[in-house]
Amino acid sequence: MADYKEKLNYWLTSPLFDEETKAELKAITDEKELEDRFYKDLEFGTGGARGIMGAGTNRFNKYNVKIITAGFSKHLLKLDEKLAKEKGVAIAYDSRNHSKEFAKEAALVFAAYGIPVHLFNIISATPLLSFTVRYLGCAGGLVVTASHNTKEYNGYKAYDKTGCQLYPTDADDVIAEVAKVRLEDVKTISEEKAVSLGLLKYIGEEVLRVYMDTVKKESHELSQAAKANLKVVYTPLHGAGNVPVRTVLSELGYSNVSVVKEQEEPDGNFPTVVSPNPGEISALKMAVDLAEGIGADIVVASDPDSDRIGMASKGADGKFVYYSGNQICALLIDYILTRRKARLTEKSALITTVVTSEFGSDIARRFGLHVETTLTGFKFIGERETRLHESGKYHCEFGYEESNGCMIGDYNREKDSVSAIMLMCEMAAYNKAKGLSVYDKLEELYKDYGFYLDHLDSFVFTGKDGAEKIKAINAKLRTMGKSLDDDIIEIKDYAPGIDNLPPSDVLKYWYKDGSWMAIRPSGTEPKIKVYYCIHNDDKAQAEKVLQRIQGSLKQVIDSI
């Protein structure tokens, strides 16, 4: 592999790269920065590609978009050339800086390979792309987004014909195809030629309308008075959720919805937040401030590509409390299954992941649902739903993961904040009509099922040195085994591929008291994520258990 200086020189001298790109590189004086931009190629992994925007082989830019799209095109043509050339692909993009331009670059590469493109002409939610692939019968799809990452990032999420993010077997083939692509060999054509040949068609409002009508079918009967009596604050965090979320709520009769004006309009700089992640308390501050000022019952939020959710509501003392993804989904599972109890059958199922709390699963099992557990990431949840649906053995009522994402119904294969927020508001209105706040309902569930303390720690290690440290930490943990903590009774290493699941770099530890900890490096960010699930009738005791487990792990991390 070429030295990073050789690759840098190639970018500075080759006519393939425009002058703006070369000027950006020439302006960099920090040698470490230049090394980080070129020491490796931007990786297309099982979750697609994601990276800091900028010039360089290890950055997200139009050149890497072209290379990835060429590889993805070859995969689709190899997989089913007839389907690819007849039905094509759908492409969407969110509110991030340059998302629209990247989407068009990808569209013109697909078209050059003879694959028709349905390109959204409006900022669109990720779940809308999943729905569109299924609705139009496409061979695959793409959404340009970096989800909830900070403004410096953008990304490329690829989908198969089911509307699901690429499963590892397909992703591996795309990775292999991308590795063969040289930039100078990538095909592309002009927008005018693509349109004239019928290889590029713009779509937008008409598909969005069908999608919103489909989402509304997942709602339940509730009086207009109950809906109007719920006071809601919503924030799209400068993203794609503003139109679909507010339209669906309005059309269903939620007339008392206020939006955070400063966060209403799409803005890839995300000027009002450090990170546009609705799962973080800081991202909801402006929404909670507004809610406290107007006396709202509930705050709901979506991220830039409108697949993740956030929620806060009044607590026992009237102050707002924030809910984790595990808590939100447990509340939704209880509500949905309560409302659908009469139609549940032995085929009804819940899909969850190895790092998601047992809270929602325990609720589902009490309702008689079959619980399926898969790996982290909605590509696994979506694929499992497709498999269950095709087998006819089970029907998925709900799929979710702890990172603030859930999938309701069978209309797409992706987490969807639009349907989730619709049902979060419905759940809050339903309980308010019975004299209960969202907080009250959660406390009821804890009394019934016991207290679940779920926690996530993230250890960030950036750059080349950071990547090496992450590998070293994982290697040491595997060497240590149960010696990490005297109370560990079982360890599962998912790296070889176990429990009929694909290989995944996940270590999961079970403790004597039934608690567990799971450790995995992020597939999209330079960090190690550590998930904890502590189940105890006593909250204070649960917190002590968490602190002890955290302390054992931190000693290992600090020693590297």
Protein backbone atom coordinates (compact mmCIF):
# COMPACT_ATOMS: atom_id res chain seq x y z
CA MET A 1 0.00 0.00 0.00
CA ALA A 2 1.27 3.42 -0.86
CA ASP A 3 2.80 5.60 1.83
CA TYR A 4 0.50 8.42 2.92
CA LYS A 5 2.88 10.98 1.40
CA GLU A 6 2.69 9.22 -1.97
CA LYS A 7 -1.09 9.30 -1.86
CA LEU A 8 -1.05 12.95 -0.82
CA ASN A 9 1.22 13.80 -3.73
CA TYR A 10 -1.09 11.93 -6.11
CA TRP A 11 -4.05 14.03 -4.96
CA LEU A 12 -2.01 17.22 -5.34
CA THR A 13 -0.84 16.45 -8.87
CA SER A 14 -3.49 14.32 -10.58
CA PRO A 15 -5.97 16.03 -12.93
CA LEU A 16 -8.71 13.83 -11.39
CA PHE A 17 -8.93 16.20 -8.42
CA ASP A 18 -10.26 19.74 -8.69
CA GLU A 19 -8.37 22.85 -7.66
CA GLU A 20 -10.54 23.44 -4.60
CA THR A 21 -9.53 20.02 -3.25
CA LYS A 22 -5.86 20.67 -3.91
CA ALA A 23 -6.03 24.08 -2.28
CA GLU A 24 -7.58 22.56 0.84
CA LEU A 25 -4.70 20.10 1.14
CA LYS A 26 -2.00 22.69 0.44
CA ALA A 27 -3.33 24.85 3.26
CA ILE A 28 -2.75 22.12 5.87
CA THR A 29 0.53 22.52 7.75
CA ASP A 30 -0.02 19.89 10.46
CA GLU A 31 1.75 16.72 9.36
CA LYS A 32 -0.37 14.57 11.73
CA GLU A 33 -3.50 15.92 10.08
CA LEU A 34 -2.19 15.05 6.63
CA GLU A 35 -1.24 11.57 7.81
CA ASP A 36 -4.72 11.02 9.24
CA ARG A 37 -6.29 12.06 5.95
CA PHE A 38 -4.23 9.58 3.91
CA TYR A 39 -2.94 6.75 6.12
CA LYS A 40 -5.88 4.59 5.01
CA ASP A 41 -8.86 4.61 2.68
CA LEU A 42 -12.32 5.50 3.96
CA GLU A 43 -13.85 2.16 4.83
CA PHE A 44 -17.13 0.85 3.50
CA GLY A 45 -18.23 -1.48 6.28
CA THR A 46 -21.39 -3.33 7.22
CA GLY A 47 -22.99 -0.01 8.19
CA GLY A 48 -21.95 1.74 4.98
CA ALA A 49 -19.39 4.52 5.09
CA ARG A 50 -19.12 7.49 7.41
CA GLY A 51 -16.39 10.03 7.97
CA ILE A 52 -15.32 13.61 8.46
CA MET A 53 -15.91 15.63 5.30
CA GLY A 54 -12.83 16.91 3.52
CA ALA A 55 -10.08 16.09 1.05
CA GLY A 56 -8.19 12.82 1.43
CA THR A 57 -8.58 9.07 1.05
CA ASN A 58 -9.69 8.82 4.70
CA ARG A 59 -12.31 11.55 4.40
CA PHE A 60 -15.87 11.69 3.14
CA ASN A 61 -15.89 13.52 -0.19
CA LYS A 62 -17.31 13.29 -3.70
CA TYR A 63 -14.40 11.15 -4.90
CA ASN A 64 -15.02 8.48 -2.30
CA VAL A 65 -18.76 8.69 -3.00
CA LYS A 66 -18.03 7.91 -6.65
CA ILE A 67 -15.75 4.99 -5.78
CA ILE A 68 -18.26 3.48 -3.34
CA THR A 69 -21.13 3.94 -5.77
CA ALA A 70 -19.22 2.23 -8.57
CA GLY A 71 -18.63 -0.75 -6.27
CA PHE A 72 -22.27 -0.76 -5.13
CA SER A 73 -23.43 -0.58 -8.77
CA LYS A 74 -21.34 -3.61 -9.70
CA HIS A 75 -22.75 -5.51 -6.73
CA LEU A 76 -26.35 -4.78 -7.72
CA LEU A 77 -25.72 -5.72 -11.35
CA LYS A 78 -24.03 -8.95 -10.33
CA LEU A 79 -26.79 -9.79 -7.83
CA ASP A 80 -29.73 -9.26 -10.24
CA GLU A 81 -28.93 -7.32 -13.41
CA LYS A 82 -32.52 -7.45 -14.67
CA LEU A 83 -33.93 -5.99 -11.45
CA ALA A 84 -31.17 -3.37 -11.21
CA LYS A 85 -31.67 -2.15 -14.79
CA GLU A 86 -35.46 -2.27 -14.71
CA LYS A 87 -36.27 -1.00 -11.20
CA GLY A 88 -33.10 0.88 -10.33
CA VAL A 89 -32.32 2.49 -6.99
CA ALA A 90 -33.80 5.19 -4.76
CA ILE A 91 -31.59 7.91 -3.29
CA ALA A 92 -32.39 10.28 -0.43
CA TYR A 93 -30.38 12.81 1.55
CA ASP A 94 -30.80 14.67 4.83
CA SER A 95 -30.05 18.22 5.96
CA ARG A 96 -26.29 17.82 6.38
CA ASN A 97 -23.90 20.07 4.52
CA HIS A 98 -23.21 18.75 1.00
CA SER A 99 -25.66 15.83 1.34
CA LYS A 100 -27.58 16.95 -1.74
CA GLU A 101 -24.40 17.25 -3.83
CA PHE A 102 -23.13 13.85 -2.71
CA ALA A 103 -26.50 12.29 -3.54
CA LYS A 104 -26.37 13.71 -7.07
CA GLU A 105 -22.79 12.51 -7.59
CA ALA A 106 -23.93 9.01 -6.62
CA ALA A 107 -26.98 9.24 -8.89
CA LEU A 108 -24.86 10.07 -11.94
CA VAL A 109 -22.55 7.13 -11.29
CA PHE A 110 -25.47 4.70 -10.95
CA ALA A 111 -26.92 6.09 -14.19
CA ALA A 112 -23.61 5.65 -15.99
CA TYR A 113 -23.73 1.95 -15.11
CA GLY A 114 -27.22 1.71 -16.61
CA ILE A 115 -29.07 1.68 -13.26
CA PRO A 116 -32.09 4.05 -13.19
CA VAL A 117 -32.24 6.40 -10.22
CA HIS A 118 -35.23 7.75 -8.29
CA LEU A 119 -33.63 10.78 -6.62
CA PHE A 120 -35.51 12.73 -3.98
CA ASN A 121 -35.71 16.45 -4.66
CA ILE A 122 -36.55 17.24 -1.03
CA ILE A 123 -34.66 16.67 2.21
CA SER A 124 -35.85 13.25 3.32
CA ALA A 125 -35.91 11.04 6.38
CA THR A 126 -33.96 7.78 6.34
CA PRO A 127 -37.12 5.70 7.03
CA LEU A 128 -38.73 7.33 3.97
CA LEU A 129 -35.88 5.92 1.85
CA SER A 130 -36.43 2.43 3.27
CA PHE A 131 -40.14 2.75 2.55
CA THR A 132 -39.49 4.04 -0.97
CA VAL A 133 -37.25 1.10 -1.92
CA ARG A 134 -40.10 -1.24 -0.98
CA TYR A 135 -42.85 0.95 -2.44
CA LEU A 136 -41.14 1.30 -5.85
CA GLY A 137 -39.75 -2.24 -5.87
CA CYS A 138 -36.17 -1.00 -6.32
CA ALA A 139 -33.09 -3.19 -6.44
CA GLY A 140 -31.54 -1.12 -3.66
CA GLY A 141 -31.21 2.32 -2.17
CA LEU A 142 -28.92 4.91 -0.67
CA VAL A 143 -29.32 7.70 1.84
CA VAL A 144 -26.61 10.31 2.32
CA THR A 145 -26.48 10.98 6.06
CA ALA A 146 -24.28 10.68 9.12
CA SER A 147 -27.33 10.27 11.36
CA HIS A 148 -26.68 12.00 14.72
CA ASN A 149 -22.94 12.69 14.27
CA THR A 150 -21.59 16.22 14.63
CA LYS A 151 -21.59 18.66 11.70
CA GLU A 152 -18.14 17.62 10.43
CA TYR A 153 -19.42 14.19 9.36
CA ASN A 154 -21.37 12.77 6.48
CA GLY A 155 -22.02 9.24 5.32
CA TYR A 156 -23.37 6.69 2.88
CA LYS A 157 -25.98 4.13 3.99
CA ALA A 158 -26.70 1.43 1.41
CA TYR A 159 -29.91 -0.63 1.25
CA ASP A 160 -30.95 -3.87 -0.40
CA LYS A 161 -34.19 -4.58 -2.29
CA THR A 162 -36.11 -5.19 0.96
CA GLY A 163 -35.37 -1.65 2.16
CA CYS A 164 -32.97 -2.99 4.77
CA GLN A 165 -29.40 -1.80 5.28
CA LEU A 166 -27.01 -4.25 3.67
CA TYR A 167 -26.61 -7.49 5.59
CA PRO A 168 -22.95 -8.56 6.12
CA THR A 169 -22.94 -11.05 3.23
CA ASP A 170 -24.02 -8.35 0.77
CA ALA A 171 -21.88 -5.70 2.45
CA ASP A 172 -18.84 -7.97 2.14
CA ASP A 173 -19.41 -8.24 -1.59
CA VAL A 174 -19.75 -4.45 -1.92
CA ILE A 175 -16.55 -4.04 0.10
CA ALA A 176 -14.78 -6.43 -2.28
CA GLU A 177 -16.11 -4.57 -5.32
CA VAL A 178 -15.18 -1.15 -3.89
CA ALA A 179 -11.63 -2.40 -3.23
CA LYS A 180 -11.24 -3.14 -6.96
CA VAL A 181 -12.36 0.33 -8.07
CA ARG A 182 -9.83 2.93 -9.15
CA LEU A 183 -11.10 6.50 -9.30
CA GLU A 184 -9.86 6.96 -12.86
CA ASP A 185 -12.05 4.04 -13.97
CA VAL A 186 -15.31 5.20 -12.36
CA LYS A 187 -18.08 5.84 -14.88
CA THR A 188 -20.27 8.93 -14.64
CA ILE A 189 -22.50 10.97 -16.97
CA SER A 190 -24.03 14.42 -16.97
CA GLU A 191 -27.35 15.17 -15.29
CA GLU A 192 -28.84 16.24 -18.62
CA LYS A 193 -27.89 12.98 -20.31
CA ALA A 194 -29.13 10.88 -17.39
CA VAL A 195 -32.53 12.60 -17.51
CA SER A 196 -32.80 12.36 -21.30
CA LEU A 197 -32.02 8.63 -21.23
CA GLY A 198 -34.64 8.05 -18.53
CA LEU A 199 -31.94 7.04 -16.05
CA LEU A 200 -32.63 9.87 -13.62
CA LYS A 201 -36.07 10.73 -12.27
CA TYR A 202 -36.78 13.13 -9.44
CA ILE A 203 -39.31 12.13 -6.80
CA GLY A 204 -40.57 13.91 -3.70
CA GLU A 205 -43.90 15.03 -2.31
CA GLU A 206 -45.98 12.28 -3.93
CA VAL A 207 -43.96 9.48 -2.32
CA LEU A 208 -43.77 11.36 0.98
CA ARG A 209 -47.58 11.56 0.97
CA VAL A 210 -47.97 7.79 0.56
CA TYR A 211 -45.41 7.22 3.31
CA MET A 212 -47.19 9.49 5.79
CA ASP A 213 -50.52 7.84 5.07
CA THR A 214 -48.90 4.46 5.70
CA VAL A 215 -47.41 5.64 9.00
CA LYS A 216 -50.82 6.86 10.18
CA LYS A 217 -52.24 3.33 9.79
CA GLU A 218 -50.13 2.29 12.78
CA SER A 219 -52.10 4.62 15.09
CA HIS A 220 -54.92 3.50 17.38
CA GLU A 221 -58.35 4.90 18.03
CA LEU A 222 -58.25 7.76 20.52
CA SER A 223 -60.68 10.58 21.15
CA GLN A 224 -60.00 13.96 19.61
CA ALA A 225 -60.41 15.49 23.06
CA ALA A 226 -57.59 13.33 24.43
CA LYS A 227 -55.32 14.30 21.55
CA ALA A 228 -56.11 18.01 21.79
CA ASN A 229 -55.56 17.92 25.55
CA LEU A 230 -51.95 16.78 25.16
CA LYS A 231 -49.49 19.65 25.06
CA VAL A 232 -46.44 18.70 22.97
CA VAL A 233 -43.11 20.35 22.16
CA TYR A 234 -41.28 18.93 19.15
CA THR A 235 -37.82 19.59 17.77
CA PRO A 236 -36.40 18.18 14.52
CA LEU A 237 -32.91 19.35 15.57
CA HIS A 238 -32.40 21.12 12.22
CA GLY A 239 -33.16 17.89 10.36
CA ALA A 240 -35.51 16.09 8.00
CA GLY A 241 -38.27 15.25 10.47
CA ASN A 242 -40.00 18.63 10.62
CA VAL A 243 -42.46 18.14 7.74
CA PRO A 244 -43.42 14.46 8.14
CA VAL A 245 -43.64 14.49 11.95
CA ARG A 246 -45.72 17.66 12.23
CA THR A 247 -47.91 16.75 9.27
CA VAL A 248 -48.77 13.32 10.71
CA LEU A 249 -49.48 14.74 14.17
CA SER A 250 -51.62 17.53 12.76
CA GLU A 251 -53.65 15.27 10.50
CA LEU A 252 -54.36 12.90 13.40
CA GLY A 253 -55.69 15.73 15.55
CA TYR A 254 -52.79 16.67 17.81
CA SER A 255 -53.58 20.37 17.66
CA ASN A 256 -51.50 21.47 20.63
CA VAL A 257 -48.00 20.96 19.18
CA SER A 258 -45.29 23.62 19.44
CA VAL A 259 -42.00 23.45 17.56
CA VAL A 260 -38.67 24.85 18.74
CA LYS A 261 -38.38 27.70 16.23
CA GLU A 262 -34.59 27.98 16.49
CA GLN A 263 -34.28 24.29 15.48
CA GLU A 264 -37.12 24.11 12.98
CA GLU A 265 -35.33 24.81 9.71
CA PRO A 266 -32.84 22.36 8.13
CA ASP A 267 -29.26 23.45 8.85
CA GLY A 268 -26.24 21.22 8.44
CA ASN A 269 -24.22 23.34 10.86
CA PHE A 270 -26.59 22.40 13.72
CA PRO A 271 -25.92 25.80 15.32
CA THR A 272 -27.97 25.30 18.50
CA VAL A 273 -26.47 21.99 19.66
CA VAL A 274 -23.05 20.46 20.23
CA SER A 275 -24.31 17.19 18.76
CA PRO A 276 -27.72 16.67 17.07
CA ASN A 277 -28.35 13.45 18.97
CA PRO A 278 -31.86 13.33 20.49
CA GLY A 279 -30.61 10.72 22.95
CA GLU A 280 -28.39 13.32 24.62
CA ILE A 281 -29.82 15.61 27.29
CA SER A 282 -27.98 18.66 25.94
CA ALA A 283 -29.66 18.33 22.53
CA LEU A 284 -33.11 18.60 24.12
CA LYS A 285 -32.35 21.62 26.33
CA MET A 286 -34.06 24.22 24.14
CA ALA A 287 -37.10 21.99 23.73
CA VAL A 288 -37.34 21.42 27.48
CA ASP A 289 -36.91 25.14 28.18
CA LEU A 290 -39.82 25.83 25.85
CA ALA A 291 -41.89 23.03 27.37
CA GLU A 292 -41.35 24.36 30.88
CA GLY A 293 -42.28 27.85 29.72
CA ILE A 294 -45.61 26.85 28.15
CA GLY A 295 -46.50 24.03 30.53
CA ALA A 296 -46.20 21.19 28.00
CA ASP A 297 -46.69 17.56 28.97
CA ILE A 298 -44.07 15.98 26.73
CA VAL A 299 -41.03 16.80 24.60
CA VAL A 300 -40.30 14.68 21.52
CA ALA A 301 -37.34 14.95 19.15
CA SER A 302 -35.86 13.44 16.01
CA ASP A 303 -32.29 13.52 14.69
CA PRO A 304 -31.09 15.00 11.35
CA ASP A 305 -32.16 12.01 9.22
CA SER A 306 -35.23 11.42 11.38
CA ASP A 307 -34.70 7.81 12.35
CA ARG A 308 -33.75 8.25 16.03
CA ILE A 309 -35.96 9.65 18.78
CA GLY A 310 -35.68 11.50 22.06
CA MET A 311 -38.23 12.20 24.79
CA ALA A 312 -38.64 14.10 28.04
CA SER A 313 -41.69 14.71 30.21
CA LYS A 314 -42.77 16.13 33.54
CA GLY A 315 -41.54 14.17 36.52
CA ALA A 316 -43.07 13.73 39.96
CA ASP A 317 -41.89 17.19 41.06
CA GLY A 318 -43.03 18.89 37.85
CA LYS A 319 -39.49 19.18 36.50
CA PHE A 320 -38.72 17.50 33.20
CA VAL A 321 -37.00 14.13 33.15
CA TYR A 322 -35.22 12.58 30.18
CA TYR A 323 -35.78 9.04 28.95
CA SER A 324 -33.30 6.61 27.48
CA GLY A 325 -33.97 4.65 24.31
CA ASN A 326 -34.59 1.55 26.43
CA GLN A 327 -37.15 3.38 28.56
CA ILE A 328 -38.95 4.98 25.60
CA CYS A 329 -39.24 1.66 23.81
CA ALA A 330 -40.37 -0.19 26.94
CA LEU A 331 -43.17 2.37 27.31
CA LEU A 332 -44.08 1.99 23.64
CA ILE A 333 -44.01 -1.81 23.79
CA ASP A 334 -46.33 -1.85 26.80
CA TYR A 335 -48.67 0.68 25.18
CA ILE A 336 -48.80 -0.92 21.73
CA LEU A 337 -49.28 -4.44 23.06
CA THR A 338 -51.95 -3.24 25.47
CA ARG A 339 -53.87 -1.59 22.61
CA ARG A 340 -53.36 -4.55 20.25
CA LYS A 341 -53.87 -7.29 22.82
CA ALA A 342 -56.98 -8.68 21.15
CA ARG A 343 -55.18 -9.26 17.87
CA LEU A 344 -51.96 -10.76 19.22
CA THR A 345 -51.37 -14.40 18.31
CA GLU A 346 -48.74 -17.08 18.85
CA LYS A 347 -47.03 -15.59 15.78
CA SER A 348 -46.57 -12.15 17.36
CA ALA A 349 -42.90 -11.33 17.88
CA LEU A 350 -40.48 -8.71 19.19
CA ILE A 351 -37.00 -8.23 17.71
CA THR A 352 -34.23 -6.80 19.86
CA THR A 353 -30.42 -6.90 20.10
CA VAL A 354 -27.68 -8.34 22.28
CA VAL A 355 -26.92 -4.92 23.81
CA THR A 356 -30.52 -3.85 24.45
CA SER A 357 -32.07 -3.90 27.93
CA GLU A 358 -34.20 -6.84 29.03
CA PHE A 359 -36.94 -4.38 30.07
CA GLY A 360 -38.83 -4.38 26.76
CA SER A 361 -38.29 -8.10 26.22
CA ASP A 362 -39.71 -8.94 29.64
CA ILE A 363 -42.81 -6.86 28.90
CA ALA A 364 -43.23 -8.54 25.51
CA ARG A 365 -42.90 -12.03 26.97
CA ARG A 366 -45.63 -11.31 29.51
CA PHE A 367 -47.93 -10.47 26.59
CA GLY A 368 -47.01 -13.84 25.10
CA LEU A 369 -44.71 -12.58 22.35
CA HIS A 370 -41.84 -14.56 20.91
CA VAL A 371 -38.59 -12.59 21.37
CA GLU A 372 -35.85 -12.72 18.74
CA THR A 373 -32.38 -11.39 19.59
CA THR A 374 -29.89 -10.31 16.96
CA LEU A 375 -26.75 -8.20 16.66
CA THR A 376 -26.50 -4.44 17.08
CA GLY A 377 -27.67 -2.35 14.15
CA PHE A 378 -30.91 -2.05 12.26
CA LYS A 379 -29.53 -4.02 9.33
CA PHE A 380 -29.82 -7.05 11.60
CA ILE A 381 -33.25 -6.14 12.93
CA GLY A 382 -34.58 -5.40 9.44
CA GLU A 383 -33.10 -8.59 8.01
CA ARG A 384 -34.59 -10.65 10.85
CA GLU A 385 -38.03 -9.12 10.26
CA THR A 386 -37.79 -9.98 6.56
CA ARG A 387 -36.79 -13.54 7.40
CA LEU A 388 -39.63 -13.97 9.91
CA HIS A 389 -42.13 -12.46 7.46
CA GLU A 390 -41.05 -14.69 4.57
CA SER A 391 -41.12 -17.83 6.73
CA GLY A 392 -44.68 -17.12 7.83
CA LYS A 393 -43.73 -18.31 11.32
CA TYR A 394 -43.86 -14.96 13.09
CA HIS A 395 -45.18 -11.44 12.61
CA CYS A 396 -43.06 -8.64 14.05
CA GLU A 397 -45.03 -6.19 16.16
CA PHE A 398 -42.01 -4.14 17.20
CA GLY A 399 -38.27 -4.05 16.57
CA TYR A 400 -35.84 -1.87 18.48
CA GLU A 401 -32.38 -1.22 19.84
CA GLU A 402 -31.21 0.76 22.84
CA SER A 403 -29.80 3.62 20.76
CA ASN A 404 -33.14 5.42 20.46
CA GLY A 405 -34.49 3.67 17.39
CA CYS A 406 -37.52 1.48 16.77
CA MET A 407 -39.51 -0.02 13.92
CA ILE A 408 -43.26 -0.45 14.13
CA GLY A 409 -45.29 -2.48 11.67
CA ASP A 410 -44.21 -4.02 8.37
CA TYR A 411 -44.02 -1.05 5.98
CA ASN A 412 -40.26 -0.57 6.15
CA ARG A 413 -37.06 -2.14 7.45
CA GLU A 414 -35.55 0.80 9.27
CA LYS A 415 -35.94 2.67 12.53
CA ASP A 416 -38.52 5.41 12.08
CA SER A 417 -38.93 8.50 14.26
CA VAL A 418 -42.12 9.56 12.46
CA SER A 419 -44.17 6.53 13.50
CA ALA A 420 -42.41 6.40 16.88
CA ILE A 421 -43.17 10.05 17.73
CA MET A 422 -46.76 9.59 16.57
CA LEU A 423 -47.16 6.69 19.02
CA MET A 424 -45.18 8.41 21.79
CA CYS A 425 -47.70 11.25 21.65
CA GLU A 426 -50.58 8.79 21.45
CA MET A 427 -49.25 6.88 24.46
CA ALA A 428 -48.89 10.11 26.44
CA ALA A 429 -52.39 11.30 25.48
CA TYR A 430 -53.92 7.91 26.31
CA ASN A 431 -52.33 7.86 29.76
CA LYS A 432 -53.11 11.51 30.45
CA ALA A 433 -56.79 10.78 29.79
CA LYS A 434 -56.49 8.15 32.54
CA GLY A 435 -54.84 10.64 34.91
CA LEU A 436 -51.30 9.38 34.41
CA SER A 437 -48.21 11.21 33.16
CA VAL A 438 -45.56 9.39 31.13
CA TYR A 439 -43.39 9.42 34.25
CA ASP A 440 -46.21 7.88 36.29
CA LYS A 441 -46.61 5.11 33.73
CA LEU A 442 -42.91 4.28 33.77
CA GLU A 443 -42.98 4.07 37.57
CA GLU A 444 -45.94 1.71 37.31
CA LEU A 445 -43.93 -0.54 35.00
CA TYR A 446 -40.96 -0.53 37.39
CA LYS A 447 -43.23 -1.58 40.26
CA ASP A 448 -44.59 -4.37 38.10
CA TYR A 449 -41.34 -5.62 36.48
CA GLY A 450 -38.62 -4.43 38.83
CA PHE A 451 -36.12 -1.60 38.29
CA TYR A 452 -33.88 -1.68 35.21
CA LEU A 453 -30.77 0.46 35.30
CA ASP A 454 -29.45 0.72 31.76
CA HIS A 455 -26.34 2.72 31.02
CA LEU A 456 -23.99 3.42 28.13
CA ASP A 457 -20.36 4.52 28.39
CA SER A 458 -18.39 5.64 25.35
CA PHE A 459 -14.60 5.83 25.27
CA VAL A 460 -13.41 7.93 22.33
CA PHE A 461 -9.98 7.33 20.74
CA THR A 462 -9.42 9.32 17.54
CA GLY A 463 -6.93 9.02 14.71
CA LYS A 464 -4.46 6.27 13.89
CA ASP A 465 -3.22 5.99 17.50
CA GLY A 466 -6.80 5.75 18.71
CA ALA A 467 -7.61 2.90 16.32
CA GLU A 468 -4.58 0.99 17.60
CA LYS A 469 -5.60 1.58 21.23
CA ILE A 470 -9.11 0.24 20.57
CA LYS A 471 -7.59 -2.96 19.15
CA ALA A 472 -5.25 -3.26 22.14
CA ILE A 473 -8.09 -2.88 24.64
CA ASN A 474 -10.15 -5.56 22.93
CA ALA A 475 -7.16 -7.90 22.78
CA LYS A 476 -6.43 -7.48 26.50
CA LEU A 477 -10.06 -8.08 27.48
CA ARG A 478 -10.12 -11.33 25.51
CA THR A 479 -6.90 -12.41 27.19
CA MET A 480 -8.18 -11.61 30.69
CA GLY A 481 -11.45 -13.51 30.40
CA LYS A 482 -13.30 -13.90 33.72
CA SER A 483 -10.39 -12.40 35.66
CA LEU A 484 -11.84 -8.98 34.77
CA ASP A 485 -14.27 -9.37 37.70
CA ASP A 486 -14.75 -12.11 40.31
CA ASP A 487 -18.55 -12.00 39.87
CA ILE A 488 -18.50 -12.87 36.16
CA ILE A 489 -20.14 -16.24 35.54
CA GLU A 490 -20.26 -16.33 31.74
CA ILE A 491 -18.68 -14.58 28.77
CA LYS A 492 -19.89 -14.67 25.20
CA ASP A 493 -17.49 -13.64 22.45
CA TYR A 494 -19.48 -13.00 19.29
CA ALA A 495 -16.37 -12.54 17.12
CA PRO A 496 -16.34 -16.11 15.73
CA GLY A 497 -20.07 -16.03 14.96
CA ILE A 498 -22.26 -17.74 17.56
CA ASP A 499 -25.99 -18.30 18.26
CA ASN A 500 -26.65 -18.44 14.51
CA LEU A 501 -25.44 -14.84 14.17
CA PRO A 502 -22.75 -13.43 11.88
CA PRO A 503 -19.33 -12.69 13.43
CA SER A 504 -19.31 -9.45 15.40
CA ASP A 505 -16.70 -7.82 17.63
CA VAL A 506 -18.84 -7.97 20.78
CA LEU A 507 -17.92 -9.26 24.24
CA LYS A 508 -20.80 -9.82 26.67
CA TYR A 509 -20.31 -10.58 30.37
CA TRP A 510 -22.96 -12.00 32.71
CA TYR A 511 -22.66 -11.52 36.48
CA LYS A 512 -23.89 -13.55 39.46
CA ASP A 513 -26.80 -11.20 40.16
CA GLY A 514 -28.14 -11.40 36.59
CA SER A 515 -26.60 -8.12 35.43
CA TRP A 516 -24.67 -7.96 32.18
CA MET A 517 -22.14 -5.76 30.40
CA ALA A 518 -21.49 -5.74 26.66
CA ILE A 519 -18.48 -4.15 24.96
CA ARG A 520 -18.08 -3.37 21.27
CA PRO A 521 -16.18 -0.87 19.11
CA SER A 522 -18.51 1.43 17.19
CA GLY A 523 -18.90 0.61 13.53
CA THR A 524 -19.20 4.26 12.55
CA GLU A 525 -17.27 6.31 15.11
CA PRO A 526 -13.78 6.11 16.73
CA LYS A 527 -15.01 4.83 20.06
CA ILE A 528 -15.62 1.80 22.24
CA LYS A 529 -19.19 1.48 23.49
CA VAL A 530 -19.97 -0.26 26.75
CA TYR A 531 -23.55 -1.25 27.57
CA TYR A 532 -24.80 -2.17 31.04
CA CYS A 533 -28.09 -3.73 32.15
CA ILE A 534 -28.65 -3.96 35.91
CA HIS A 535 -31.97 -5.45 37.11
CA ASN A 536 -32.72 -5.03 40.79
CA ASP A 537 -35.79 -4.21 42.86
CA ASP A 538 -33.75 -1.58 44.70
CA LYS A 539 -32.55 1.41 42.62
CA ALA A 540 -29.75 2.38 45.03
CA GLN A 541 -28.37 -1.16 45.00
CA ALA A 542 -28.52 -1.22 41.19
CA GLU A 543 -26.43 1.94 41.06
CA LYS A 544 -23.80 0.41 43.36
CA VAL A 545 -23.56 -2.64 41.13
CA LEU A 546 -23.12 -0.42 38.07
CA GLN A 547 -20.32 1.60 39.70
CA ARG A 548 -18.43 -1.56 40.66
CA ILE A 549 -18.63 -3.03 37.15
CA GLN A 550 -17.62 0.28 35.59
CA GLY A 551 -14.60 0.52 37.88
CA SER A 552 -13.26 -2.91 36.87
CA LEU A 553 -13.42 -2.05 33.18
CA LYS A 554 -11.96 1.43 33.54
CA GLN A 555 -8.84 -0.01 35.21
CA VAL A 556 -8.20 -2.09 32.09
CA ILE A 557 -8.79 0.81 29.69
CA ASP A 558 -6.54 3.15 31.69
CA SER A 559 -3.76 0.54 31.69
CA ILE A 560 -3.43 0.48 27.88
